Amino acid sequence: MRGRQRSRGVTLVELMMSLVVIVVGMLAIFRVISTSVVATSTSSRVSQAQARSSTIIEAIRLAPAAAITCLKATAVSGWATCEVTCKNSQTAPGTASPSSCIFTANGVGGFATLRGPNTGAAFGAPVQTQQYDRLGQQYFLNTNITAPTAGTASAAYGGTYVRGAGDSLRTLEIAITTCWNDDNSTNSTNASAATTYPNHCVTLVTGMLDPTATPI
C-alpha cells in the first residue's frame, strides 16, 4: 500500500518572520522614495535659482551706461533704484518692457513685476509673479556680503555686486547670489536658521568690459 504524503502548513513563527522581512523591505523602499523626493526638490530649486541669477546677469550685460554706474555705486539692497535708472535711460523713457532692467528678485521691482504661473497654496495664498516658482518657493538676492571697494581685492564668496576689477578697473566683475529659505522667508539673516546666512544659495560670477570706463 502506498503511504499517503502528509501536507505541511506554515507555522506562526514562519509567518511572522515573513512579515518582518516584508516590513523591513517596505521601510527601505519608503526611505529611498523620500530621499529621491528631497533630492528632486533641491535640484529643482537650484535650477530655479540659477535661472534667476542668469536673467539678472544678462540684464546687466545689456544695461545702459547710466544703469551700470548706478549698480557699481549702489549696494544690492538699493538696486531697485538702478532698475528705474535703467528704464529711464532707454530710448523712450517710461515705455520700457517689464522684462528689461531686471536687477532684483523681489520687492517693488524685478521679478515681482513679471507675471508667473499660479503657484497654488504650497506656502500660503496663490501668487503669480516670477519671484516664486510653481511650488510657491520664494527667491531673493543675498544682501549679507558687501563687495570690497578695491578692484584688486578678493571678494567673499556668496555676495551680490557689480564692481570694477583688475588693475585698470576696465573690467566689470558681476556676482549674483540667489537664495531661498526653508521657511520661505526672504531674509538674508534668517531668524530660523542656526547661522546669519540664508539656508540655500546659488552664486554665478562672470565678467565683461566696463562700458563706463575711460578709454585708454
N, C-alpha and C. Protein backbone atom coordinates (compact mmCIF):
# COMPACT_ATOMS: atom_id res chain seq x y z
N MET A 1 0.84 -1.19 0.00
CA MET A 1 0.00 0.00 0.00
C MET A 1 0.87 1.24 0.00
N ARG A 2 0.45 2.16 -0.78
CA ARG A 2 1.20 3.42 -0.81
C ARG A 2 0.86 4.27 0.39
N GLY A 3 1.93 4.84 1.00
CA GLY A 3 1.69 5.76 2.12
C GLY A 3 1.27 7.13 1.62
N ARG A 4 0.34 7.64 2.29
CA ARG A 4 -0.13 8.97 1.88
C ARG A 4 0.81 10.07 2.40
N GLN A 5 1.15 11.01 1.48
CA GLN A 5 2.06 12.12 1.85
C GLN A 5 1.30 13.16 2.65
N ARG A 6 1.84 13.49 3.80
CA ARG A 6 1.20 14.48 4.63
C ARG A 6 1.55 15.90 4.16
N SER A 7 0.55 16.79 4.05
CA SER A 7 0.79 18.20 3.69
C SER A 7 1.14 18.97 4.95
N ARG A 8 2.18 19.81 4.82
CA ARG A 8 2.67 20.57 5.98
C ARG A 8 2.29 22.04 5.83
N GLY A 9 1.64 22.62 6.78
CA GLY A 9 1.24 24.02 6.72
C GLY A 9 2.35 24.95 7.17
N VAL A 10 2.06 26.27 7.15
CA VAL A 10 3.01 27.29 7.59
C VAL A 10 2.81 27.56 9.07
N THR A 11 3.90 27.52 9.79
CA THR A 11 3.80 27.77 11.22
C THR A 11 3.69 29.27 11.50
N LEU A 12 3.24 29.60 12.69
CA LEU A 12 3.09 31.00 13.09
C LEU A 12 4.43 31.73 13.09
N VAL A 13 5.49 31.03 13.50
CA VAL A 13 6.82 31.64 13.53
C VAL A 13 7.27 32.00 12.12
N GLU A 14 7.06 31.09 11.17
CA GLU A 14 7.45 31.36 9.78
C GLU A 14 6.66 32.53 9.21
N LEU A 15 5.39 32.60 9.54
CA LEU A 15 4.55 33.70 9.06
C LEU A 15 5.04 35.04 9.60
N MET A 16 5.37 35.05 10.89
CA MET A 16 5.86 36.30 11.49
C MET A 16 7.20 36.72 10.89
N MET A 17 8.08 35.77 10.63
CA MET A 17 9.37 36.10 10.01
C MET A 17 9.18 36.66 8.62
N SER A 18 8.24 36.11 7.87
CA SER A 18 7.96 36.62 6.53
C SER A 18 7.44 38.05 6.58
N LEU A 19 6.56 38.33 7.57
CA LEU A 19 6.03 39.68 7.72
C LEU A 19 7.13 40.67 8.07
N VAL A 20 8.06 40.23 8.93
CA VAL A 20 9.18 41.11 9.30
C VAL A 20 10.02 41.46 8.08
N VAL A 21 10.30 40.47 7.24
CA VAL A 21 11.09 40.71 6.03
C VAL A 21 10.38 41.69 5.11
N ILE A 22 9.07 41.51 4.97
CA ILE A 22 8.29 42.40 4.10
C ILE A 22 8.28 43.82 4.63
N VAL A 23 8.08 43.97 5.95
CA VAL A 23 8.05 45.32 6.55
C VAL A 23 9.39 46.02 6.40
N VAL A 24 10.49 45.29 6.66
CA VAL A 24 11.82 45.88 6.50
C VAL A 24 12.06 46.31 5.06
N GLY A 25 11.63 45.50 4.11
CA GLY A 25 11.79 45.85 2.71
C GLY A 25 10.99 47.08 2.33
N MET A 26 9.75 47.17 2.86
CA MET A 26 8.92 48.34 2.57
C MET A 26 9.50 49.60 3.17
N LEU A 27 10.03 49.50 4.39
CA LEU A 27 10.65 50.68 5.02
C LEU A 27 11.85 51.17 4.21
N ALA A 28 12.63 50.23 3.68
CA ALA A 28 13.78 50.60 2.86
C ALA A 28 13.33 51.31 1.59
N ILE A 29 12.26 50.79 0.98
CA ILE A 29 11.73 51.41 -0.24
C ILE A 29 11.22 52.82 0.05
N PHE A 30 10.48 52.98 1.16
CA PHE A 30 9.96 54.30 1.52
C PHE A 30 11.09 55.29 1.78
N ARG A 31 12.18 54.82 2.37
CA ARG A 31 13.31 55.70 2.64
C ARG A 31 13.95 56.17 1.34
N VAL A 32 14.08 55.24 0.39
CA VAL A 32 14.65 55.60 -0.92
C VAL A 32 13.76 56.62 -1.62
N ILE A 33 12.43 56.40 -1.56
CA ILE A 33 11.50 57.33 -2.21
C ILE A 33 11.58 58.70 -1.56
N SER A 34 11.64 58.74 -0.22
CA SER A 34 11.72 60.01 0.49
C SER A 34 12.99 60.77 0.12
N THR A 35 14.12 60.06 0.06
CA THR A 35 15.39 60.68 -0.32
C THR A 35 15.33 61.21 -1.75
N SER A 36 14.69 60.44 -2.63
CA SER A 36 14.57 60.85 -4.03
C SER A 36 13.73 62.11 -4.17
N VAL A 37 12.64 62.19 -3.39
CA VAL A 37 11.77 63.37 -3.45
C VAL A 37 12.52 64.61 -2.99
N VAL A 38 13.26 64.49 -1.88
CA VAL A 38 14.04 65.63 -1.36
C VAL A 38 15.09 66.07 -2.36
N ALA A 39 15.79 65.09 -2.97
CA ALA A 39 16.84 65.42 -3.95
C ALA A 39 16.25 66.10 -5.17
N THR A 40 15.09 65.62 -5.61
CA THR A 40 14.43 66.23 -6.77
C THR A 40 14.01 67.66 -6.47
N SER A 41 13.46 67.88 -5.26
CA SER A 41 13.03 69.21 -4.87
C SER A 41 14.21 70.17 -4.79
N THR A 42 15.32 69.71 -4.21
CA THR A 42 16.51 70.56 -4.10
C THR A 42 17.07 70.89 -5.48
N SER A 43 17.12 69.88 -6.34
CA SER A 43 17.64 70.09 -7.70
C SER A 43 16.78 71.11 -8.45
N SER A 44 15.47 71.02 -8.28
CA SER A 44 14.57 71.97 -8.94
C SER A 44 14.81 73.39 -8.45
N ARG A 45 15.00 73.56 -7.15
CA ARG A 45 15.22 74.90 -6.61
C ARG A 45 16.57 75.46 -7.00
N VAL A 46 17.57 74.61 -7.09
CA VAL A 46 18.88 75.06 -7.58
C VAL A 46 18.75 75.57 -9.01
N SER A 47 18.02 74.83 -9.84
CA SER A 47 17.81 75.24 -11.23
C SER A 47 17.05 76.56 -11.32
N GLN A 48 16.04 76.72 -10.46
CA GLN A 48 15.27 77.96 -10.44
C GLN A 48 16.16 79.14 -10.02
N ALA A 49 17.00 78.93 -9.02
CA ALA A 49 17.89 79.99 -8.57
C ALA A 49 18.91 80.35 -9.65
N GLN A 50 19.46 79.35 -10.32
CA GLN A 50 20.41 79.59 -11.40
C GLN A 50 19.76 80.39 -12.53
N ALA A 51 18.53 80.03 -12.87
CA ALA A 51 17.83 80.74 -13.95
C ALA A 51 17.63 82.20 -13.60
N ARG A 52 17.29 82.49 -12.37
CA ARG A 52 17.08 83.88 -11.97
C ARG A 52 18.39 84.65 -11.94
N SER A 53 19.45 84.03 -11.47
CA SER A 53 20.76 84.70 -11.48
C SER A 53 21.20 84.98 -12.92
N SER A 54 20.98 84.02 -13.80
CA SER A 54 21.37 84.20 -15.21
C SER A 54 20.60 85.33 -15.86
N THR A 55 19.31 85.44 -15.53
CA THR A 55 18.48 86.50 -16.10
C THR A 55 18.99 87.88 -15.66
N ILE A 56 19.35 88.01 -14.39
CA ILE A 56 19.86 89.29 -13.90
C ILE A 56 21.21 89.62 -14.54
N ILE A 57 22.08 88.63 -14.67
CA ILE A 57 23.37 88.86 -15.32
C ILE A 57 23.18 89.33 -16.75
N GLU A 58 22.26 88.70 -17.46
CA GLU A 58 22.02 89.09 -18.86
C GLU A 58 21.47 90.50 -18.94
N ALA A 59 20.60 90.87 -17.98
CA ALA A 59 20.07 92.23 -17.96
C ALA A 59 21.17 93.25 -17.71
N ILE A 60 22.13 92.91 -16.84
CA ILE A 60 23.25 93.82 -16.57
C ILE A 60 24.13 93.97 -17.80
N ARG A 61 24.34 92.87 -18.53
CA ARG A 61 25.15 92.94 -19.75
C ARG A 61 24.55 93.89 -20.78
N LEU A 62 23.23 93.97 -20.81
CA LEU A 62 22.54 94.79 -21.81
C LEU A 62 22.15 96.17 -21.27
N ALA A 63 22.48 96.44 -20.02
CA ALA A 63 22.06 97.69 -19.40
C ALA A 63 22.81 98.89 -19.98
N PRO A 64 22.17 100.06 -20.02
CA PRO A 64 22.86 101.28 -20.47
C PRO A 64 23.91 101.72 -19.46
N ALA A 65 24.78 102.60 -19.90
CA ALA A 65 25.90 103.03 -19.05
C ALA A 65 25.43 103.64 -17.73
N ALA A 66 24.35 104.41 -17.76
CA ALA A 66 23.86 105.04 -16.53
C ALA A 66 23.45 104.00 -15.50
N ALA A 67 22.87 102.89 -15.95
CA ALA A 67 22.48 101.84 -15.03
C ALA A 67 23.70 101.12 -14.48
N ILE A 68 24.73 100.92 -15.31
CA ILE A 68 25.97 100.29 -14.84
C ILE A 68 26.62 101.14 -13.76
N THR A 69 26.65 102.43 -13.98
CA THR A 69 27.21 103.35 -12.98
C THR A 69 26.46 103.24 -11.66
N CYS A 70 25.14 103.15 -11.75
CA CYS A 70 24.32 103.02 -10.56
C CYS A 70 24.59 101.70 -9.83
N LEU A 71 24.69 100.62 -10.58
CA LEU A 71 24.93 99.30 -9.97
C LEU A 71 26.27 99.24 -9.26
N LYS A 72 27.29 99.87 -9.85
CA LYS A 72 28.61 99.87 -9.24
C LYS A 72 28.64 100.68 -7.95
N ALA A 73 27.85 101.74 -7.90
CA ALA A 73 27.89 102.66 -6.76
C ALA A 73 26.87 102.32 -5.68
N THR A 74 26.00 101.34 -5.94
CA THR A 74 24.89 101.07 -5.03
C THR A 74 24.96 99.64 -4.51
N ALA A 75 24.72 99.48 -3.20
CA ALA A 75 24.63 98.13 -2.62
C ALA A 75 23.41 97.42 -3.20
N VAL A 76 23.45 96.11 -3.19
CA VAL A 76 22.38 95.33 -3.82
C VAL A 76 21.02 95.64 -3.21
N SER A 77 20.97 96.02 -1.96
CA SER A 77 19.69 96.35 -1.33
C SER A 77 19.02 97.56 -1.97
N GLY A 78 19.79 98.37 -2.73
CA GLY A 78 19.23 99.55 -3.38
C GLY A 78 19.15 99.44 -4.88
N TRP A 79 19.26 98.23 -5.42
CA TRP A 79 19.28 98.06 -6.87
C TRP A 79 17.95 98.36 -7.54
N ALA A 80 16.86 98.45 -6.78
CA ALA A 80 15.59 98.84 -7.38
C ALA A 80 15.69 100.24 -7.99
N THR A 81 16.51 101.10 -7.37
CA THR A 81 16.74 102.44 -7.91
C THR A 81 17.44 102.36 -9.26
N CYS A 82 18.36 101.40 -9.39
CA CYS A 82 19.08 101.23 -10.65
C CYS A 82 18.17 100.69 -11.75
N GLU A 83 17.14 99.94 -11.37
CA GLU A 83 16.15 99.49 -12.36
C GLU A 83 15.42 100.69 -12.96
N VAL A 84 15.07 101.63 -12.11
CA VAL A 84 14.40 102.84 -12.59
C VAL A 84 15.34 103.64 -13.49
N THR A 85 16.59 103.77 -13.09
CA THR A 85 17.58 104.48 -13.90
C THR A 85 17.74 103.82 -15.26
N CYS A 86 17.77 102.50 -15.25
CA CYS A 86 17.92 101.74 -16.49
C CYS A 86 16.76 102.01 -17.45
N LYS A 87 15.54 101.93 -16.93
CA LYS A 87 14.36 102.13 -17.79
C LYS A 87 14.26 103.56 -18.29
N ASN A 88 14.63 104.53 -17.44
CA ASN A 88 14.58 105.94 -17.85
C ASN A 88 15.67 106.29 -18.86
N SER A 89 16.71 105.45 -18.95
CA SER A 89 17.82 105.72 -19.87
C SER A 89 17.58 105.13 -21.26
N GLN A 90 16.50 104.42 -21.43
CA GLN A 90 16.20 103.83 -22.73
C GLN A 90 15.67 104.88 -23.68
N THR A 91 15.53 104.49 -24.94
CA THR A 91 15.19 105.45 -25.99
C THR A 91 13.91 106.20 -25.69
N ALA A 92 12.89 105.49 -25.23
CA ALA A 92 11.62 106.13 -24.91
C ALA A 92 11.33 105.90 -23.43
N PRO A 93 11.77 106.80 -22.56
CA PRO A 93 11.57 106.61 -21.11
C PRO A 93 10.11 106.37 -20.76
N GLY A 94 9.89 105.43 -19.87
CA GLY A 94 8.53 105.12 -19.43
C GLY A 94 7.83 104.07 -20.28
N THR A 95 8.45 103.69 -21.41
CA THR A 95 7.81 102.70 -22.28
C THR A 95 8.63 101.42 -22.33
N ALA A 96 9.55 101.25 -21.40
CA ALA A 96 10.41 100.07 -21.40
C ALA A 96 9.60 98.81 -21.11
N SER A 97 10.03 97.71 -21.70
CA SER A 97 9.38 96.43 -21.45
C SER A 97 9.58 96.02 -20.01
N PRO A 98 8.55 95.44 -19.36
CA PRO A 98 8.71 95.00 -17.97
C PRO A 98 9.82 93.97 -17.78
N SER A 99 10.16 93.24 -18.86
CA SER A 99 11.18 92.21 -18.74
C SER A 99 12.60 92.75 -18.86
N SER A 100 12.73 94.03 -19.16
CA SER A 100 14.06 94.63 -19.23
C SER A 100 14.44 95.24 -17.90
N CYS A 101 15.73 95.45 -17.71
CA CYS A 101 16.22 96.09 -16.49
C CYS A 101 15.83 95.34 -15.23
N ILE A 102 15.95 94.02 -15.25
CA ILE A 102 15.65 93.20 -14.08
C ILE A 102 16.93 92.99 -13.27
N PHE A 103 17.05 93.71 -12.16
CA PHE A 103 18.23 93.60 -11.31
C PHE A 103 17.91 93.05 -9.92
N THR A 104 16.65 92.90 -9.59
CA THR A 104 16.25 92.44 -8.26
C THR A 104 15.32 91.24 -8.38
N ALA A 105 15.28 90.43 -7.32
CA ALA A 105 14.45 89.22 -7.34
C ALA A 105 13.10 89.44 -6.68
N ASN A 106 13.01 90.39 -5.77
CA ASN A 106 11.73 90.64 -5.09
C ASN A 106 11.63 92.12 -4.77
N GLY A 107 10.64 92.49 -3.97
CA GLY A 107 10.47 93.90 -3.65
C GLY A 107 9.53 94.58 -4.64
N VAL A 108 9.77 95.87 -4.90
CA VAL A 108 8.87 96.64 -5.74
C VAL A 108 9.17 96.45 -7.23
N GLY A 109 10.32 95.91 -7.56
CA GLY A 109 10.69 95.76 -8.97
C GLY A 109 11.10 94.35 -9.29
N GLY A 110 11.92 94.22 -10.33
CA GLY A 110 12.49 92.93 -10.67
C GLY A 110 11.47 91.88 -11.02
N PHE A 111 11.69 90.66 -10.55
CA PHE A 111 10.82 89.55 -10.86
C PHE A 111 9.42 89.72 -10.29
N ALA A 112 9.27 90.59 -9.28
CA ALA A 112 7.96 90.83 -8.70
C ALA A 112 7.03 91.54 -9.68
N THR A 113 7.58 92.14 -10.74
CA THR A 113 6.76 92.84 -11.73
C THR A 113 6.39 91.93 -12.90
N LEU A 114 6.96 90.73 -12.94
CA LEU A 114 6.72 89.83 -14.07
C LEU A 114 5.70 88.77 -13.69
N ARG A 115 4.73 88.57 -14.54
CA ARG A 115 3.69 87.59 -14.29
C ARG A 115 4.26 86.18 -14.39
N GLY A 116 3.89 85.33 -13.45
CA GLY A 116 4.37 83.96 -13.44
C GLY A 116 3.22 82.98 -13.31
N PRO A 117 3.52 81.69 -13.20
CA PRO A 117 2.47 80.68 -13.07
C PRO A 117 1.80 80.75 -11.71
N ASN A 118 0.54 80.29 -11.65
CA ASN A 118 -0.15 80.22 -10.38
C ASN A 118 0.56 79.19 -9.50
N THR A 119 1.02 79.62 -8.34
CA THR A 119 1.83 78.73 -7.50
C THR A 119 1.00 77.79 -6.66
N GLY A 120 -0.33 77.93 -6.67
CA GLY A 120 -1.12 77.13 -5.74
C GLY A 120 -1.00 77.70 -4.35
N ALA A 121 -1.11 76.88 -3.36
CA ALA A 121 -1.07 77.37 -1.98
C ALA A 121 -0.06 76.59 -1.16
N ALA A 122 1.09 76.28 -1.75
CA ALA A 122 2.10 75.50 -1.04
C ALA A 122 2.60 76.23 0.20
N PHE A 123 2.76 77.54 0.10
CA PHE A 123 3.25 78.33 1.23
C PHE A 123 2.25 79.41 1.63
N GLY A 124 1.02 79.30 1.21
CA GLY A 124 0.05 80.32 1.54
C GLY A 124 -0.82 80.65 0.35
N ALA A 125 -1.23 81.92 0.25
CA ALA A 125 -2.13 82.33 -0.82
C ALA A 125 -1.46 82.23 -2.18
N PRO A 126 -2.21 81.88 -3.23
CA PRO A 126 -1.63 81.79 -4.57
C PRO A 126 -1.07 83.13 -5.02
N VAL A 127 0.05 83.08 -5.72
CA VAL A 127 0.67 84.28 -6.28
C VAL A 127 1.03 84.00 -7.73
N GLN A 128 1.23 85.05 -8.49
CA GLN A 128 1.54 84.90 -9.91
C GLN A 128 2.63 85.86 -10.33
N THR A 129 3.76 85.82 -9.67
CA THR A 129 4.91 86.60 -10.09
C THR A 129 6.13 85.69 -10.17
N GLN A 130 7.15 86.15 -10.91
CA GLN A 130 8.32 85.32 -11.15
C GLN A 130 9.27 85.23 -9.96
N GLN A 131 8.96 85.93 -8.86
CA GLN A 131 9.82 85.77 -7.70
C GLN A 131 9.51 84.45 -6.97
N TYR A 132 8.46 83.75 -7.41
CA TYR A 132 8.10 82.44 -6.87
C TYR A 132 8.22 81.39 -7.98
N ASP A 133 8.44 80.13 -7.58
CA ASP A 133 8.34 79.05 -8.55
C ASP A 133 6.95 78.42 -8.44
N ARG A 134 6.72 77.35 -9.18
CA ARG A 134 5.38 76.76 -9.23
C ARG A 134 4.92 76.19 -7.89
N LEU A 135 5.88 75.84 -7.03
CA LEU A 135 5.54 75.26 -5.74
C LEU A 135 5.37 76.32 -4.65
N GLY A 136 5.54 77.59 -5.03
CA GLY A 136 5.38 78.66 -4.07
C GLY A 136 6.64 79.05 -3.35
N GLN A 137 7.79 78.46 -3.75
CA GLN A 137 9.06 78.83 -3.12
C GLN A 137 9.47 80.22 -3.56
N GLN A 138 9.89 81.05 -2.62
CA GLN A 138 10.27 82.44 -2.90
C GLN A 138 11.79 82.57 -2.94
N TYR A 139 12.28 83.38 -3.88
CA TYR A 139 13.72 83.57 -4.07
C TYR A 139 14.09 85.04 -3.84
N PHE A 140 15.32 85.27 -3.43
CA PHE A 140 15.78 86.64 -3.16
C PHE A 140 17.28 86.71 -3.33
N LEU A 141 17.80 87.92 -3.48
CA LEU A 141 19.24 88.13 -3.62
C LEU A 141 19.87 88.27 -2.24
N ASN A 142 21.04 87.69 -2.08
CA ASN A 142 21.75 87.77 -0.81
C ASN A 142 22.33 89.17 -0.64
N THR A 143 21.94 89.84 0.42
CA THR A 143 22.43 91.20 0.72
C THR A 143 23.37 91.19 1.91
N ASN A 144 23.83 90.02 2.32
CA ASN A 144 24.57 89.89 3.57
C ASN A 144 26.07 90.10 3.41
N ILE A 145 26.57 90.11 2.19
CA ILE A 145 28.01 90.23 1.96
C ILE A 145 28.27 91.44 1.07
N THR A 146 29.11 92.33 1.52
CA THR A 146 29.43 93.54 0.78
C THR A 146 30.74 93.35 0.01
N ALA A 147 30.74 93.75 -1.25
CA ALA A 147 31.95 93.62 -2.06
C ALA A 147 32.98 94.64 -1.61
N PRO A 148 34.26 94.30 -1.65
CA PRO A 148 35.31 95.26 -1.28
C PRO A 148 35.38 96.39 -2.30
N THR A 149 35.77 97.56 -1.84
CA THR A 149 35.82 98.71 -2.74
C THR A 149 37.01 98.64 -3.68
N ALA A 150 38.09 98.01 -3.25
CA ALA A 150 39.27 97.90 -4.11
C ALA A 150 39.05 96.82 -5.18
N GLY A 151 39.24 97.20 -6.44
CA GLY A 151 39.00 96.26 -7.52
C GLY A 151 39.96 95.10 -7.55
N THR A 152 41.14 95.25 -6.94
CA THR A 152 42.12 94.18 -6.94
C THR A 152 41.98 93.26 -5.73
N ALA A 153 41.08 93.60 -4.79
CA ALA A 153 40.90 92.78 -3.60
C ALA A 153 39.96 91.62 -3.89
N SER A 154 40.17 90.50 -3.21
CA SER A 154 39.31 89.33 -3.40
C SER A 154 37.99 89.56 -2.70
N ALA A 155 36.91 89.18 -3.37
CA ALA A 155 35.58 89.32 -2.79
C ALA A 155 35.17 88.02 -2.12
N ALA A 156 34.42 88.11 -1.03
CA ALA A 156 33.94 86.93 -0.34
C ALA A 156 32.90 86.22 -1.20
N TYR A 157 32.96 84.90 -1.18
CA TYR A 157 32.00 84.13 -1.98
C TYR A 157 30.60 84.28 -1.39
N GLY A 158 29.62 84.38 -2.27
CA GLY A 158 28.24 84.46 -1.83
C GLY A 158 27.65 85.85 -1.86
N GLY A 159 28.41 86.83 -2.34
CA GLY A 159 27.90 88.19 -2.40
C GLY A 159 27.16 88.48 -3.70
N THR A 160 26.49 89.61 -3.74
CA THR A 160 25.81 90.10 -4.95
C THR A 160 26.29 91.53 -5.18
N TYR A 161 26.98 91.74 -6.28
CA TYR A 161 27.57 93.05 -6.52
C TYR A 161 27.99 93.19 -7.98
N VAL A 162 28.24 94.44 -8.36
CA VAL A 162 28.88 94.79 -9.63
C VAL A 162 29.99 95.76 -9.29
N ARG A 163 31.22 95.46 -9.67
CA ARG A 163 32.34 96.33 -9.33
C ARG A 163 33.38 96.30 -10.44
N GLY A 164 34.16 97.37 -10.51
CA GLY A 164 35.29 97.39 -11.40
C GLY A 164 36.38 96.48 -10.86
N ALA A 165 37.03 95.74 -11.75
CA ALA A 165 38.04 94.77 -11.31
C ALA A 165 39.28 94.90 -12.18
N GLY A 166 40.38 94.38 -11.67
CA GLY A 166 41.64 94.44 -12.40
C GLY A 166 42.41 95.70 -12.09
N ASP A 167 43.64 95.76 -12.57
CA ASP A 167 44.50 96.90 -12.27
C ASP A 167 43.97 98.20 -12.87
N SER A 168 43.41 98.13 -14.07
CA SER A 168 42.92 99.34 -14.73
C SER A 168 41.44 99.58 -14.48
N LEU A 169 40.78 98.64 -13.78
CA LEU A 169 39.35 98.74 -13.49
C LEU A 169 38.51 98.90 -14.75
N ARG A 170 38.99 98.33 -15.84
CA ARG A 170 38.24 98.40 -17.09
C ARG A 170 37.34 97.18 -17.29
N THR A 171 37.39 96.28 -16.33
CA THR A 171 36.56 95.08 -16.40
C THR A 171 35.53 95.11 -15.27
N LEU A 172 34.32 94.68 -15.57
CA LEU A 172 33.29 94.57 -14.55
C LEU A 172 33.26 93.14 -14.02
N GLU A 173 33.29 93.00 -12.72
CA GLU A 173 33.06 91.70 -12.10
C GLU A 173 31.61 91.68 -11.59
N ILE A 174 30.84 90.72 -12.08
CA ILE A 174 29.43 90.63 -11.73
C ILE A 174 29.21 89.34 -10.95
N ALA A 175 28.68 89.47 -9.75
CA ALA A 175 28.36 88.30 -8.93
C ALA A 175 26.90 88.40 -8.50
N ILE A 176 26.13 87.39 -8.83
CA ILE A 176 24.72 87.35 -8.46
C ILE A 176 24.47 86.10 -7.63
N THR A 177 24.01 86.29 -6.40
CA THR A 177 23.73 85.17 -5.50
C THR A 177 22.23 85.15 -5.20
N THR A 178 21.56 84.14 -5.72
CA THR A 178 20.13 83.97 -5.49
C THR A 178 19.92 82.90 -4.42
N CYS A 179 19.08 83.22 -3.43
CA CYS A 179 18.92 82.34 -2.28
C CYS A 179 17.46 82.00 -2.03
N TRP A 180 17.26 81.00 -1.18
CA TRP A 180 15.93 80.68 -0.68
C TRP A 180 16.06 80.08 0.72
N ASN A 181 15.02 80.29 1.53
CA ASN A 181 14.99 79.77 2.89
C ASN A 181 13.95 78.66 3.01
N ASP A 182 14.20 77.73 3.92
CA ASP A 182 13.27 76.62 4.12
C ASP A 182 11.92 77.09 4.65
N ASP A 183 11.91 78.23 5.37
CA ASP A 183 10.63 78.75 5.88
C ASP A 183 9.99 79.71 4.89
N ASN A 184 10.57 79.82 3.69
CA ASN A 184 10.06 80.65 2.60
C ASN A 184 10.11 82.14 2.89
N SER A 185 10.93 82.56 3.84
CA SER A 185 11.12 83.99 4.09
C SER A 185 12.13 84.54 3.08
N THR A 186 12.27 85.85 3.05
CA THR A 186 13.24 86.48 2.15
C THR A 186 14.31 87.21 2.95
N ASN A 187 14.64 86.71 4.11
CA ASN A 187 15.63 87.35 4.97
C ASN A 187 17.02 86.79 4.71
N SER A 188 17.97 87.66 4.42
CA SER A 188 19.35 87.22 4.30
C SER A 188 19.88 86.80 5.66
N THR A 189 19.34 87.38 6.73
CA THR A 189 19.67 86.95 8.08
C THR A 189 18.45 86.21 8.61
N ASN A 190 18.35 84.95 8.26
CA ASN A 190 17.17 84.14 8.57
C ASN A 190 17.12 83.79 10.06
N ALA A 191 16.08 84.24 10.74
CA ALA A 191 15.99 84.04 12.18
C ALA A 191 15.81 82.58 12.55
N SER A 192 15.27 81.77 11.64
CA SER A 192 15.03 80.36 11.96
C SER A 192 16.24 79.49 11.70
N ALA A 193 17.30 80.06 11.13
CA ALA A 193 18.49 79.28 10.81
C ALA A 193 19.50 79.37 11.95
N ALA A 194 20.41 78.41 11.96
CA ALA A 194 21.43 78.40 13.01
C ALA A 194 22.49 79.47 12.76
N THR A 195 22.61 79.92 11.51
CA THR A 195 23.58 80.96 11.17
C THR A 195 22.85 82.22 10.75
N THR A 196 23.61 83.24 10.41
CA THR A 196 23.01 84.50 9.97
C THR A 196 22.89 84.58 8.46
N TYR A 197 23.10 83.47 7.78
CA TYR A 197 23.03 83.46 6.33
C TYR A 197 21.80 82.71 5.86
N PRO A 198 21.38 82.92 4.62
CA PRO A 198 20.24 82.17 4.09
C PRO A 198 20.50 80.66 4.12
N ASN A 199 19.43 79.88 4.07
CA ASN A 199 19.57 78.42 4.13
C ASN A 199 20.28 77.87 2.90
N HIS A 200 19.94 78.39 1.71
CA HIS A 200 20.49 77.85 0.47
C HIS A 200 20.75 79.00 -0.51
N CYS A 201 21.86 78.93 -1.23
CA CYS A 201 22.21 79.97 -2.20
C CYS A 201 22.90 79.37 -3.42
N VAL A 202 22.75 80.05 -4.54
CA VAL A 202 23.48 79.72 -5.77
C VAL A 202 24.13 80.99 -6.27
N THR A 203 25.46 80.95 -6.49
CA THR A 203 26.20 82.13 -6.93
C THR A 203 26.74 81.93 -8.34
N LEU A 204 26.49 82.89 -9.20
CA LEU A 204 27.07 82.92 -10.54
C LEU A 204 27.96 84.16 -10.63
N VAL A 205 29.18 83.97 -11.12
CA VAL A 205 30.13 85.07 -11.26
C VAL A 205 30.61 85.13 -12.70
N THR A 206 30.63 86.32 -13.27
CA THR A 206 31.11 86.49 -14.64
C THR A 206 31.76 87.86 -14.76
N GLY A 207 32.26 88.16 -15.95
CA GLY A 207 32.91 89.45 -16.19
C GLY A 207 32.57 89.99 -17.56
N MET A 208 32.79 91.27 -17.74
CA MET A 208 32.56 91.93 -19.03
C MET A 208 33.34 93.23 -19.04
N LEU A 209 33.57 93.76 -20.21
CA LEU A 209 34.22 95.07 -20.31
C LEU A 209 33.29 96.13 -19.77
N ASP A 210 33.84 97.06 -19.03
CA ASP A 210 33.04 98.12 -18.41
C ASP A 210 32.75 99.21 -19.45
N PRO A 211 31.49 99.38 -19.86
CA PRO A 211 31.17 100.41 -20.86
C PRO A 211 31.34 101.83 -20.34
N THR A 212 31.48 101.97 -19.01
CA THR A 212 31.63 103.32 -18.44
C THR A 212 33.08 103.68 -18.21
N ALA A 213 34.00 102.76 -18.46
CA ALA A 213 35.42 103.01 -18.21
C ALA A 213 35.97 104.01 -19.23
N THR A 214 36.93 104.80 -18.79
CA THR A 214 37.57 105.78 -19.67
C THR A 214 38.47 105.06 -20.67
N PRO A 215 38.29 105.32 -21.96
CA PRO A 215 39.14 104.65 -22.97
C PRO A 215 40.61 104.98 -22.75
N ILE A 216 41.46 104.01 -23.02
CA ILE A 216 42.90 104.22 -22.89
C ILE A 216 43.41 105.03 -24.08
